[in-house]
């Protein structure tokens, strides 16, 4: 499965990495965001990581 020549699993992996960097930087207070934003992006990170893992498992 590809979008614009890139694998969906790769795209989800890049999104996971960016969300993880955001969670880390907001958790360590390098950037200041509200706790609700931090919590909602954490939930989004879990959902995207789960989709990434399921698709990677199904394509292998």
N, C-alpha and C. Protein backbone atom coordinates (compact mmCIF):
# COMPACT_ATOMS: atom_id res chain seq x y z
N UNK A 1 0.83 -1.17 0.00
CA UNK A 1 0.00 0.00 0.00
C UNK A 1 0.88 1.24 0.00
N UNK A 2 0.63 2.09 -0.99
CA UNK A 2 1.47 3.27 -1.14
C UNK A 2 0.61 4.50 -1.41
N UNK A 3 1.11 5.63 -0.95
CA UNK A 3 0.49 6.92 -1.24
C UNK A 3 1.58 7.80 -1.84
N UNK A 4 1.41 8.17 -3.08
CA UNK A 4 2.39 9.02 -3.75
C UNK A 4 3.77 8.39 -3.83
N UNK A 5 3.84 7.08 -3.94
CA UNK A 5 5.12 6.40 -4.04
C UNK A 5 5.75 6.06 -2.70
N UNK A 6 5.16 6.52 -1.59
CA UNK A 6 5.69 6.21 -0.26
C UNK A 6 4.78 5.20 0.43
N UNK A 7 5.38 4.31 1.17
CA UNK A 7 4.63 3.31 1.90
C UNK A 7 3.83 3.97 3.03
N UNK A 8 2.62 3.48 3.25
CA UNK A 8 1.80 4.00 4.35
C UNK A 8 2.46 3.73 5.69
N UNK A 9 3.12 2.58 5.81
CA UNK A 9 3.81 2.24 7.05
C UNK A 9 4.94 3.24 7.32
N UNK A 10 5.65 3.64 6.28
CA UNK A 10 6.71 4.63 6.44
C UNK A 10 6.14 5.99 6.85
N UNK A 11 5.05 6.39 6.23
CA UNK A 11 4.41 7.67 6.57
C UNK A 11 3.96 7.66 8.03
N UNK A 12 3.32 6.58 8.46
CA UNK A 12 2.88 6.48 9.85
C UNK A 12 4.05 6.45 10.80
N UNK A 13 5.16 5.84 10.40
CA UNK A 13 6.35 5.84 11.24
C UNK A 13 6.94 7.23 11.42
N UNK A 14 6.93 8.02 10.37
CA UNK A 14 7.42 9.41 10.46
C UNK A 14 6.50 10.24 11.35
N UNK A 15 5.19 10.04 11.20
CA UNK A 15 4.23 10.74 12.06
C UNK A 15 4.43 10.34 13.52
N UNK A 16 4.66 9.04 13.76
CA UNK A 16 4.94 8.56 15.12
C UNK A 16 6.15 9.26 15.71
N UNK A 17 7.20 9.37 14.93
CA UNK A 17 8.42 9.99 15.41
C UNK A 17 8.20 11.46 15.76
N UNK A 18 7.47 12.18 14.91
CA UNK A 18 7.19 13.59 15.17
C UNK A 18 6.31 13.76 16.41
N UNK A 19 5.30 12.89 16.56
CA UNK A 19 4.46 12.96 17.75
C UNK A 19 5.25 12.62 19.01
N UNK A 20 6.15 11.67 18.90
CA UNK A 20 6.98 11.30 20.04
C UNK A 20 7.91 12.45 20.44
N UNK A 21 8.49 13.13 19.46
CA UNK A 21 9.31 14.30 19.77
C UNK A 21 8.50 15.40 20.43
N UNK A 22 7.28 15.61 19.97
CA UNK A 22 6.42 16.62 20.58
C UNK A 22 6.08 16.24 22.01
N UNK A 23 5.73 14.98 22.24
CA UNK A 23 5.39 14.52 23.59
C UNK A 23 6.58 14.68 24.53
N UNK A 24 7.75 14.32 24.07
CA UNK A 24 8.95 14.43 24.89
C UNK A 24 9.27 15.88 25.21
N UNK A 25 9.22 16.74 24.21
CA UNK A 25 9.56 18.14 24.44
C UNK A 25 8.52 18.87 25.27
N UNK A 26 7.26 18.50 25.15
CA UNK A 26 6.25 19.15 25.99
C UNK A 26 6.24 18.56 27.39
N UNK A 27 6.57 17.29 27.52
CA UNK A 27 6.64 16.67 28.84
C UNK A 27 7.81 17.18 29.66
N UNK A 28 8.92 17.46 29.00
CA UNK A 28 10.10 18.00 29.68
C UNK A 28 10.06 19.52 29.77
N UNK A 29 8.97 20.12 29.30
CA UNK A 29 8.73 21.56 29.37
C UNK A 29 9.72 22.37 28.53
N UNK A 30 10.25 21.76 27.45
CA UNK A 30 11.07 22.52 26.52
C UNK A 30 10.18 23.47 25.73
N UNK A 31 8.97 22.99 25.41
CA UNK A 31 7.94 23.86 24.84
C UNK A 31 6.75 23.81 25.79
N UNK A 32 6.06 24.92 25.89
CA UNK A 32 4.96 25.00 26.85
C UNK A 32 3.63 24.87 26.12
N UNK A 33 2.90 23.83 26.46
CA UNK A 33 1.56 23.61 25.95
C UNK A 33 0.66 23.26 27.13
N UNK A 34 -0.63 23.39 26.91
CA UNK A 34 -1.57 23.00 27.96
C UNK A 34 -1.55 21.50 28.16
N UNK A 35 -1.93 21.08 29.35
CA UNK A 35 -1.95 19.65 29.65
C UNK A 35 -2.96 18.91 28.77
N UNK A 36 -4.05 19.56 28.41
CA UNK A 36 -5.04 18.90 27.55
C UNK A 36 -4.46 18.62 26.16
N UNK A 37 -3.65 19.54 25.65
CA UNK A 37 -3.00 19.32 24.34
C UNK A 37 -2.02 18.16 24.44
N UNK A 38 -1.25 18.13 25.53
CA UNK A 38 -0.29 17.05 25.75
C UNK A 38 -1.01 15.70 25.84
N UNK A 39 -2.13 15.68 26.55
CA UNK A 39 -2.89 14.44 26.72
C UNK A 39 -3.50 13.98 25.40
N UNK A 40 -4.07 14.90 24.64
CA UNK A 40 -4.71 14.53 23.37
C UNK A 40 -3.69 14.06 22.34
N UNK A 41 -2.52 14.67 22.30
CA UNK A 41 -1.50 14.20 21.36
C UNK A 41 -0.94 12.84 21.81
N UNK A 42 -0.95 12.59 23.11
CA UNK A 42 -0.54 11.27 23.59
C UNK A 42 -1.50 10.19 23.13
N UNK A 43 -2.79 10.49 23.18
CA UNK A 43 -3.81 9.55 22.69
C UNK A 43 -3.66 9.36 21.19
N UNK A 44 -3.43 10.44 20.47
CA UNK A 44 -3.21 10.35 19.02
C UNK A 44 -1.96 9.53 18.71
N UNK A 45 -0.91 9.71 19.49
CA UNK A 45 0.31 8.93 19.31
C UNK A 45 0.02 7.44 19.47
N UNK A 46 -0.77 7.08 20.48
CA UNK A 46 -1.12 5.67 20.68
C UNK A 46 -1.89 5.10 19.50
N UNK A 47 -2.86 5.85 18.99
CA UNK A 47 -3.69 5.37 17.88
C UNK A 47 -2.85 5.22 16.61
N UNK A 48 -2.01 6.20 16.31
CA UNK A 48 -1.17 6.14 15.11
C UNK A 48 -0.14 5.01 15.23
N UNK A 49 0.42 4.83 16.43
CA UNK A 49 1.39 3.75 16.63
C UNK A 49 0.73 2.39 16.48
N UNK A 50 -0.50 2.26 16.95
CA UNK A 50 -1.22 1.00 16.80
C UNK A 50 -1.50 0.70 15.32
N UNK A 51 -1.94 1.71 14.58
CA UNK A 51 -2.18 1.53 13.14
C UNK A 51 -0.88 1.18 12.42
N UNK A 52 0.20 1.85 12.79
CA UNK A 52 1.51 1.59 12.21
C UNK A 52 1.93 0.14 12.46
N UNK A 53 1.75 -0.33 13.68
CA UNK A 53 2.14 -1.69 14.02
C UNK A 53 1.29 -2.73 13.29
N UNK A 54 -0.01 -2.52 13.24
CA UNK A 54 -0.91 -3.47 12.58
C UNK A 54 -0.60 -3.54 11.09
N UNK A 55 -0.44 -2.39 10.44
CA UNK A 55 -0.12 -2.39 9.01
C UNK A 55 1.24 -3.00 8.72
N UNK A 56 2.23 -2.74 9.58
CA UNK A 56 3.54 -3.33 9.38
C UNK A 56 3.48 -4.85 9.53
N UNK A 57 2.68 -5.32 10.47
CA UNK A 57 2.53 -6.77 10.67
C UNK A 57 1.82 -7.41 9.48
N UNK A 58 0.79 -6.75 8.96
CA UNK A 58 0.03 -7.31 7.85
C UNK A 58 0.82 -7.30 6.54
N UNK A 59 1.70 -6.34 6.36
CA UNK A 59 2.45 -6.28 5.10
C UNK A 59 3.68 -7.19 5.09
N UNK A 60 4.09 -7.65 6.26
CA UNK A 60 5.28 -8.52 6.29
C UNK A 60 4.94 -9.97 6.06
